[in-house]
Amino acid sequence: MRLQKQIRRRAGFTLVEILVVAVVVSTLLAFTMAGLRQASVVGNRTKCASNLRQIGAAIHVYASDHNGNLPPTSHSSGVDFESAWIFALAPYLDNVDEVRICPADPGGADRLAGGGTSYLLNDLVFDPKYGPFGELIGADNNLYRLNQPSKTFFAGIVAEKRKGASVQNDHVHGDAWDSDWNAFTNDIEANRHRLGESNADRTNGSANYLFGDGHVENIAATEMKRRIDNGENFARPPL
């Protein structure tokens, strides 16, 4: 009889045991959620890099069909927006509407609906330069004239700071990047691939960058800030 009472008393859980189990379960859930978030970041970063590689391949095929000339951005296409690169590359991309949107872009749906893109081309490469009287003063917008394609920045991910989802928002303003991190992050989301919210100077993450030879690099925002603070303008083609 006494043994049965002892067994009945031991059949339940004490408050301490319940609290210990709750802590263990909470800890396991926290690790699981952190792992899922990390996996999502890695997946988006990989898909984004694939998008940029496809854009790079399409640019190369377009250039080969146009004597080496690169597709223009809306900056140089004038009011003929349908000649800008998003439309110009469409025949060279089977799934242009998917490829032009970064999966990590929170404004991706708006850009898709507005005919825009998550990716910005380097205006210092893709747009000819004209003087005050309309005279041509420089043109790096030819694939065959690039001095070091593997070091020439072609495209990056649009910054959240930039407003507008139309086709006109398809290029950076590279001249403003000289030693100016704020100008750079007004164009490029340097920490697009990150866990959680952005920090104040947008350095807690990384972004993908397309180069002239078609390769894509994922570069930490801290490294980009160091380079720009040291006077390197990432947009200027190497001489």
C-alpha atoms as a PDB file:
ATOM      1  CA  MET A   1       0.000   0.000   0.000  1.00  0.00           C
ATOM      2  CA  ARG A   2       2.801   2.409   0.916  1.00  0.00           C
ATOM      3  CA  LEU A   3       4.606   1.529  -2.325  1.00  0.00           C
ATOM      4  CA  GLN A   4       1.484   2.358  -4.391  1.00  0.00           C
ATOM      5  CA  LYS A   5       1.228   5.795  -2.727  1.00  0.00           C
ATOM      6  CA  GLN A   6       4.883   6.483  -3.538  1.00  0.00           C
ATOM      7  CA  ILE A   7       4.322   5.482  -7.144  1.00  0.00           C
ATOM      8  CA  ARG A   8       1.281   7.779  -7.381  1.00  0.00           C
ATOM      9  CA  ARG A   9       3.246  10.655  -5.899  1.00  0.00           C
ATOM     10  CA  ARG A  10       6.038  10.180  -8.482  1.00  0.00           C
ATOM     11  CA  ALA A  11       3.657   9.884 -11.449  1.00  0.00           C
ATOM     12  CA  GLY A  12       3.448  13.663 -12.082  1.00  0.00           C
ATOM     13  CA  PHE A  13       6.094  16.324 -12.919  1.00  0.00           C
ATOM     14  CA  THR A  14       7.319  18.866 -10.438  1.00  0.00           C
ATOM     15  CA  LEU A  15       7.246  22.576 -11.285  1.00  0.00           C
ATOM     16  CA  VAL A  16      11.045  22.608 -11.539  1.00  0.00           C
ATOM     17  CA  GLU A  17      10.998  19.717 -14.008  1.00  0.00           C
ATOM     18  CA  ILE A  18       8.378  21.480 -16.141  1.00  0.00           C
ATOM     19  CA  LEU A  19      10.438  24.684 -16.182  1.00  0.00           C
ATOM     20  CA  VAL A  20      13.574  22.773 -17.172  1.00  0.00           C
ATOM     21  CA  VAL A  21      11.714  21.108 -20.058  1.00  0.00           C
ATOM     22  CA  ALA A  22      10.318  24.479 -21.166  1.00  0.00           C
ATOM     23  CA  VAL A  23      13.798  26.028 -21.204  1.00  0.00           C
ATOM     24  CA  VAL A  24      15.220  23.113 -23.195  1.00  0.00           C
ATOM     25  CA  VAL A  25      12.377  23.256 -25.744  1.00  0.00           C
ATOM     26  CA  SER A  26      12.702  27.045 -26.073  1.00  0.00           C
ATOM     27  CA  THR A  27      16.437  26.739 -26.639  1.00  0.00           C
ATOM     28  CA  LEU A  28      15.963  24.064 -29.295  1.00  0.00           C
ATOM     29  CA  LEU A  29      13.323  26.174 -31.040  1.00  0.00           C
ATOM     30  CA  ALA A  30      15.627  29.207 -30.983  1.00  0.00           C
ATOM     31  CA  PHE A  31      18.442  27.217 -32.596  1.00  0.00           C
ATOM     32  CA  THR A  32      16.027  25.774 -35.162  1.00  0.00           C
ATOM     33  CA  MET A  33      14.644  29.195 -36.105  1.00  0.00           C
ATOM     34  CA  ALA A  34      18.143  30.666 -36.348  1.00  0.00           C
ATOM     35  CA  GLY A  35      19.156  27.802 -38.612  1.00  0.00           C
ATOM     36  CA  LEU A  36      16.106  28.312 -40.824  1.00  0.00           C
ATOM     37  CA  ARG A  37      16.796  32.048 -41.110  1.00  0.00           C
ATOM     38  CA  GLN A  38      20.428  31.376 -42.003  1.00  0.00           C
ATOM     39  CA  ALA A  39      19.355  28.824 -44.600  1.00  0.00           C
ATOM     40  CA  SER A  40      16.951  31.394 -46.088  1.00  0.00           C
ATOM     41  CA  VAL A  41      19.731  33.990 -46.345  1.00  0.00           C
ATOM     42  CA  VAL A  42      22.049  31.499 -48.043  1.00  0.00           C
ATOM     43  CA  GLY A  43      19.303  30.374 -50.419  1.00  0.00           C
ATOM     44  CA  ASN A  44      18.407  33.931 -51.424  1.00  0.00           C
ATOM     45  CA  ARG A  45      22.071  34.839 -51.871  1.00  0.00           C
ATOM     46  CA  THR A  46      22.609  31.815 -54.124  1.00  0.00           C
ATOM     47  CA  LYS A  47      19.512  32.546 -56.232  1.00  0.00           C
ATOM     48  CA  CYS A  48      20.486  36.213 -56.504  1.00  0.00           C
ATOM     49  CA  ALA A  49      23.965  35.250 -57.726  1.00  0.00           C
ATOM     50  CA  SER A  50      22.361  32.970 -60.315  1.00  0.00           C
ATOM     51  CA  ASN A  51      20.174  35.859 -61.516  1.00  0.00           C
ATOM     52  CA  LEU A  52      23.196  38.089 -61.950  1.00  0.00           C
ATOM     53  CA  ARG A  53      25.135  35.400 -63.816  1.00  0.00           C
ATOM     54  CA  GLN A  54      22.203  34.983 -66.209  1.00  0.00           C
ATOM     55  CA  ILE A  55      22.057  38.749 -66.718  1.00  0.00           C
ATOM     56  CA  GLY A  56      25.800  38.744 -67.370  1.00  0.00           C
ATOM     57  CA  ALA A  57      25.493  35.963 -69.933  1.00  0.00           C
ATOM     58  CA  ALA A  58      22.632  37.802 -71.661  1.00  0.00           C
ATOM     59  CA  ILE A  59      24.698  41.005 -71.784  1.00  0.00           C
ATOM     60  CA  HIS A  60      27.530  39.131 -73.503  1.00  0.00           C
ATOM     61  CA  VAL A  61      25.236  37.597 -76.110  1.00  0.00           C
ATOM     62  CA  TYR A  62      23.554  40.975 -76.692  1.00  0.00           C
ATOM     63  CA  ALA A  63      26.986  42.587 -77.147  1.00  0.00           C
ATOM     64  CA  SER A  64      28.058  39.932 -79.647  1.00  0.00           C
ATOM     65  CA  ASP A  65      24.909  40.701 -81.670  1.00  0.00           C
ATOM     66  CA  HIS A  66      25.570  44.467 -81.545  1.00  0.00           C
ATOM     67  CA  ASN A  67      29.262  44.796 -82.455  1.00  0.00           C
ATOM     68  CA  GLY A  68      30.296  44.713 -78.814  1.00  0.00           C
ATOM     69  CA  ASN A  69      27.971  47.530 -77.748  1.00  0.00           C
ATOM     70  CA  LEU A  70      26.357  47.107 -74.339  1.00  0.00           C
ATOM     71  CA  PRO A  71      22.623  47.639 -73.740  1.00  0.00           C
ATOM     72  CA  PRO A  72      21.807  51.164 -72.516  1.00  0.00           C
ATOM     73  CA  THR A  73      20.235  52.103 -69.226  1.00  0.00           C
ATOM     74  CA  SER A  74      17.214  54.388 -69.035  1.00  0.00           C
ATOM     75  CA  HIS A  75      19.668  57.251 -68.435  1.00  0.00           C
ATOM     76  CA  SER A  76      20.830  57.167 -72.052  1.00  0.00           C
ATOM     77  CA  SER A  77      17.811  55.602 -73.745  1.00  0.00           C
ATOM     78  CA  GLY A  78      15.839  58.824 -73.311  1.00  0.00           C
ATOM     79  CA  VAL A  79      12.070  58.489 -73.362  1.00  0.00           C
ATOM     80  CA  ASP A  80      12.409  55.236 -75.280  1.00  0.00           C
ATOM     81  CA  PHE A  81      12.416  53.180 -72.103  1.00  0.00           C
ATOM     82  CA  GLU A  82      11.702  49.977 -73.981  1.00  0.00           C
ATOM     83  CA  SER A  83      15.192  50.136 -75.427  1.00  0.00           C
ATOM     84  CA  ALA A  84      16.697  50.151 -71.923  1.00  0.00           C
ATOM     85  CA  TRP A  85      18.477  47.046 -70.758  1.00  0.00           C
ATOM     86  CA  ILE A  86      15.591  45.316 -68.967  1.00  0.00           C
ATOM     87  CA  PHE A  87      13.674  45.180 -72.243  1.00  0.00           C
ATOM     88  CA  ALA A  88      16.732  44.872 -74.494  1.00  0.00           C
ATOM     89  CA  LEU A  89      17.845  41.695 -72.714  1.00  0.00           C
ATOM     90  CA  ALA A  90      14.392  40.098 -72.635  1.00  0.00           C
ATOM     91  CA  PRO A  91      14.933  38.138 -75.889  1.00  0.00           C
ATOM     92  CA  TYR A  92      18.115  36.696 -74.379  1.00  0.00           C
ATOM     93  CA  LEU A  93      16.481  35.534 -71.129  1.00  0.00           C
ATOM     94  CA  ASP A  94      13.825  32.841 -71.031  1.00  0.00           C
ATOM     95  CA  ASN A  95      12.500  34.078 -67.677  1.00  0.00           C
ATOM     96  CA  VAL A  96      13.343  37.776 -67.593  1.00  0.00           C
ATOM     97  CA  ASP A  97      10.591  38.630 -65.104  1.00  0.00           C
ATOM     98  CA  GLU A  98      12.033  36.170 -62.611  1.00  0.00           C
ATOM     99  CA  VAL A  99      15.686  36.947 -63.243  1.00  0.00           C
ATOM    100  CA  ARG A 100      15.357  40.727 -62.868  1.00  0.00           C
ATOM    101  CA  ILE A 101      14.037  40.452 -59.289  1.00  0.00           C
ATOM    102  CA  CYS A 102      16.265  39.520 -56.349  1.00  0.00           C
ATOM    103  CA  PRO A 103      14.491  37.029 -54.039  1.00  0.00           C
ATOM    104  CA  ALA A 104      15.734  38.995 -51.015  1.00  0.00           C
ATOM    105  CA  ASP A 105      14.387  42.326 -52.291  1.00  0.00           C
ATOM    106  CA  PRO A 106      11.438  43.371 -50.065  1.00  0.00           C
ATOM    107  CA  GLY A 107      10.222  45.654 -52.858  1.00  0.00           C
ATOM    108  CA  GLY A 108      10.502  42.972 -55.523  1.00  0.00           C
ATOM    109  CA  ALA A 109       6.755  42.630 -56.133  1.00  0.00           C
ATOM    110  CA  ASP A 110       6.381  46.378 -56.697  1.00  0.00           C
ATOM    111  CA  ARG A 111       9.348  46.446 -59.071  1.00  0.00           C
ATOM    112  CA  LEU A 112       7.956  43.520 -61.025  1.00  0.00           C
ATOM    113  CA  ALA A 113       4.567  45.244 -61.347  1.00  0.00           C
ATOM    114  CA  GLY A 114       6.198  48.563 -62.291  1.00  0.00           C
ATOM    115  CA  GLY A 115       8.474  47.158 -64.977  1.00  0.00           C
ATOM    116  CA  GLY A 116      11.550  47.740 -62.822  1.00  0.00           C
ATOM    117  CA  THR A 117      14.332  45.573 -61.480  1.00  0.00           C
ATOM    118  CA  SER A 118      16.233  44.723 -58.308  1.00  0.00           C
ATOM    119  CA  TYR A 119      19.529  45.113 -60.169  1.00  0.00           C
ATOM    120  CA  LEU A 120      21.228  48.333 -61.245  1.00  0.00           C
ATOM    121  CA  LEU A 121      23.734  48.584 -64.073  1.00  0.00           C
ATOM    122  CA  ASN A 122      26.885  50.677 -63.760  1.00  0.00           C
ATOM    123  CA  ASP A 123      26.151  53.901 -65.637  1.00  0.00           C
ATOM    124  CA  LEU A 124      29.882  54.663 -65.979  1.00  0.00           C
ATOM    125  CA  VAL A 125      30.194  51.577 -68.190  1.00  0.00           C
ATOM    126  CA  PHE A 126      26.826  51.188 -69.890  1.00  0.00           C
ATOM    127  CA  ASP A 127      26.094  54.824 -70.765  1.00  0.00           C
ATOM    128  CA  PRO A 128      28.130  56.958 -73.190  1.00  0.00           C
ATOM    129  CA  LYS A 129      29.346  60.304 -71.847  1.00  0.00           C
ATOM    130  CA  TYR A 130      28.333  63.527 -73.573  1.00  0.00           C
ATOM    131  CA  GLY A 131      29.525  67.091 -73.177  1.00  0.00           C
ATOM    132  CA  PRO A 132      27.373  70.192 -72.608  1.00  0.00           C
ATOM    133  CA  PHE A 133      26.738  70.566 -76.341  1.00  0.00           C
ATOM    134  CA  GLY A 134      25.829  66.930 -76.926  1.00  0.00           C
ATOM    135  CA  GLU A 135      29.279  65.941 -78.112  1.00  0.00           C
ATOM    136  CA  LEU A 136      30.515  62.434 -77.264  1.00  0.00           C
ATOM    137  CA  ILE A 137      33.401  62.715 -74.813  1.00  0.00           C
ATOM    138  CA  GLY A 138      33.795  59.113 -73.731  1.00  0.00           C
ATOM    139  CA  ALA A 139      32.345  55.681 -74.239  1.00  0.00           C
ATOM    140  CA  ASP A 140      33.177  52.566 -72.261  1.00  0.00           C
ATOM    141  CA  ASN A 141      29.909  50.960 -73.336  1.00  0.00           C
ATOM    142  CA  ASN A 142      31.527  48.396 -75.595  1.00  0.00           C
ATOM    143  CA  LEU A 143      32.494  44.979 -74.286  1.00  0.00           C
ATOM    144  CA  TYR A 144      35.494  44.758 -76.613  1.00  0.00           C
ATOM    145  CA  ARG A 145      36.955  48.037 -75.358  1.00  0.00           C
ATOM    146  CA  LEU A 146      36.968  47.136 -71.678  1.00  0.00           C
ATOM    147  CA  ASN A 147      40.548  47.032 -70.406  1.00  0.00           C
ATOM    148  CA  GLN A 148      40.006  44.590 -67.514  1.00  0.00           C
ATOM    149  CA  PRO A 149      36.548  42.994 -67.721  1.00  0.00           C
ATOM    150  CA  SER A 150      37.135  40.780 -64.668  1.00  0.00           C
ATOM    151  CA  LYS A 151      37.643  43.919 -62.555  1.00  0.00           C
ATOM    152  CA  THR A 152      34.944  46.058 -64.162  1.00  0.00           C
ATOM    153  CA  PHE A 153      31.782  46.373 -62.075  1.00  0.00           C
ATOM    154  CA  PHE A 154      28.665  45.715 -64.153  1.00  0.00           C
ATOM    155  CA  ALA A 155      25.688  45.421 -61.792  1.00  0.00           C
ATOM    156  CA  GLY A 156      24.612  45.304 -58.151  1.00  0.00           C
ATOM    157  CA  ILE A 157      21.500  45.134 -55.973  1.00  0.00           C
ATOM    158  CA  VAL A 158      19.264  48.196 -55.643  1.00  0.00           C
ATOM    159  CA  ALA A 159      19.250  49.985 -52.277  1.00  0.00           C
ATOM    160  CA  GLU A 160      16.112  50.070 -50.165  1.00  0.00           C
ATOM    161  CA  LYS A 161      16.672  53.827 -49.832  1.00  0.00           C
ATOM    162  CA  ARG A 162      15.906  54.307 -53.515  1.00  0.00           C
ATOM    163  CA  LYS A 163      12.281  55.029 -54.229  1.00  0.00           C
ATOM    164  CA  GLY A 164      10.473  54.100 -57.387  1.00  0.00           C
ATOM    165  CA  ALA A 165       9.868  50.742 -59.010  1.00  0.00           C
ATOM    166  CA  SER A 166       9.737  51.765 -62.668  1.00  0.00           C
ATOM    167  CA  VAL A 167      12.127  50.926 -65.489  1.00  0.00           C
ATOM    168  CA  GLN A 168      13.797  54.317 -64.964  1.00  0.00           C
ATOM    169  CA  ASN A 169      15.314  53.063 -61.717  1.00  0.00           C
ATOM    170  CA  ASP A 170      17.740  50.706 -63.480  1.00  0.00           C
ATOM    171  CA  HIS A 171      21.208  52.223 -63.000  1.00  0.00           C
ATOM    172  CA  VAL A 172      23.575  53.617 -60.382  1.00  0.00           C
ATOM    173  CA  HIS A 173      25.096  57.118 -60.240  1.00  0.00           C
ATOM    174  CA  GLY A 174      28.726  56.105 -60.108  1.00  0.00           C
ATOM    175  CA  ASP A 175      30.237  59.586 -60.335  1.00  0.00           C
ATOM    176  CA  ALA A 176      28.922  60.304 -56.837  1.00  0.00           C
ATOM    177  CA  TRP A 177      30.673  57.340 -55.211  1.00  0.00           C
ATOM    178  CA  ASP A 178      34.105  58.953 -54.807  1.00  0.00           C
ATOM    179  CA  SER A 179      34.978  58.315 -51.126  1.00  0.00           C
ATOM    180  CA  ASP A 180      31.289  58.565 -50.236  1.00  0.00           C
ATOM    181  CA  TRP A 181      29.766  55.550 -48.514  1.00  0.00           C
ATOM    182  CA  ASN A 182      26.390  57.268 -48.212  1.00  0.00           C
ATOM    183  CA  ALA A 183      26.253  57.872 -51.968  1.00  0.00           C
ATOM    184  CA  PHE A 184      27.171  54.236 -52.568  1.00  0.00           C
ATOM    185  CA  THR A 185      24.464  52.929 -50.224  1.00  0.00           C
ATOM    186  CA  ASN A 186      21.932  55.298 -51.786  1.00  0.00           C
ATOM    187  CA  ASP A 187      22.383  53.165 -54.919  1.00  0.00           C
ATOM    188  CA  ILE A 188      23.471  49.735 -53.687  1.00  0.00           C
ATOM    189  CA  GLU A 189      22.139  47.659 -50.781  1.00  0.00           C
ATOM    190  CA  ALA A 190      25.583  46.636 -49.554  1.00  0.00           C
ATOM    191  CA  ASN A 191      24.143  44.337 -46.863  1.00  0.00           C
ATOM    192  CA  ARG A 192      21.230  42.929 -48.853  1.00  0.00           C
ATOM    193  CA  HIS A 193      22.037  39.392 -47.683  1.00  0.00           C
ATOM    194  CA  ARG A 194      21.929  39.514 -43.890  1.00  0.00           C
ATOM    195  CA  LEU A 195      20.214  38.153 -40.812  1.00  0.00           C
ATOM    196  CA  GLY A 196      17.651  40.533 -39.359  1.00  0.00           C
ATOM    197  CA  GLU A 197      17.338  44.272 -39.840  1.00  0.00           C
ATOM    198  CA  SER A 198      20.048  46.524 -41.231  1.00  0.00           C
ATOM    199  CA  ASN A 199      22.339  48.385 -38.876  1.00  0.00           C
ATOM    200  CA  ALA A 200      22.772  52.153 -39.166  1.00  0.00           C
ATOM    201  CA  ASP A 201      25.698  52.162 -41.622  1.00  0.00           C
ATOM    202  CA  ARG A 202      24.444  49.130 -43.597  1.00  0.00           C
ATOM    203  CA  THR A 203      27.486  46.961 -42.941  1.00  0.00           C
ATOM    204  CA  ASN A 204      25.978  43.871 -41.269  1.00  0.00           C
ATOM    205  CA  GLY A 205      25.803  41.644 -44.294  1.00  0.00           C
ATOM    206  CA  SER A 206      26.972  41.253 -47.882  1.00  0.00           C
ATOM    207  CA  ALA A 207      25.837  41.729 -51.462  1.00  0.00           C
ATOM    208  CA  ASN A 208      26.419  40.139 -54.855  1.00  0.00           C
ATOM    209  CA  TYR A 209      28.193  42.009 -57.651  1.00  0.00           C
ATOM    210  CA  LEU A 210      28.375  41.180 -61.364  1.00  0.00           C
ATOM    211  CA  PHE A 211      31.609  41.865 -63.266  1.00  0.00           C
ATOM    212  CA  GLY A 212      32.378  42.349 -66.925  1.00  0.00           C
ATOM    213  CA  ASP A 213      33.650  38.837 -67.571  1.00  0.00           C
ATOM    214  CA  GLY A 214      30.364  37.407 -66.268  1.00  0.00           C
ATOM    215  CA  HIS A 215      31.517  36.241 -62.850  1.00  0.00           C
ATOM    216  CA  VAL A 216      29.691  37.189 -59.636  1.00  0.00           C
ATOM    217  CA  GLU A 217      31.296  37.957 -56.292  1.00  0.00           C
ATOM    218  CA  ASN A 218      29.671  38.128 -52.874  1.00  0.00           C
ATOM    219  CA  ILE A 219      31.460  40.912 -50.997  1.00  0.00           C
ATOM    220  CA  ALA A 220      30.987  41.801 -47.337  1.00  0.00           C
ATOM    221  CA  ALA A 221      29.659  45.311 -46.764  1.00  0.00           C
ATOM    222  CA  THR A 222      32.505  45.996 -44.334  1.00  0.00           C
ATOM    223  CA  GLU A 223      34.997  45.309 -47.136  1.00  0.00           C
ATOM    224  CA  MET A 224      33.139  47.559 -49.567  1.00  0.00           C
ATOM    225  CA  LYS A 225      33.050  50.367 -47.002  1.00  0.00           C
ATOM    226  CA  ARG A 226      36.783  50.002 -46.368  1.00  0.00           C
ATOM    227  CA  ARG A 227      37.527  50.246 -50.077  1.00  0.00           C
ATOM    228  CA  ILE A 228      35.290  53.251 -50.657  1.00  0.00           C
ATOM    229  CA  ASP A 229      36.527  55.043 -47.528  1.00  0.00           C
ATOM    230  CA  ASN A 230      40.059  54.523 -48.882  1.00  0.00           C
ATOM    231  CA  GLY A 231      39.174  56.395 -52.057  1.00  0.00           C
ATOM    232  CA  GLU A 232      38.339  53.535 -54.422  1.00  0.00           C
ATOM    233  CA  ASN A 233      35.387  54.267 -56.668  1.00  0.00           C
ATOM    234  CA  PHE A 234      34.054  50.818 -57.422  1.00  0.00           C
ATOM    235  CA  ALA A 235      32.114  52.062 -60.451  1.00  0.00           C
ATOM    236  CA  ARG A 236      35.013  53.493 -62.452  1.00  0.00           C
ATOM    237  CA  PRO A 237      36.366  51.029 -65.043  1.00  0.00           C
ATOM    238  CA  PRO A 238      40.045  50.155 -64.493  1.00  0.00           C
ATOM    239  CA  LEU A 239      42.398  52.015 -66.785  1.00  0.00           C
END
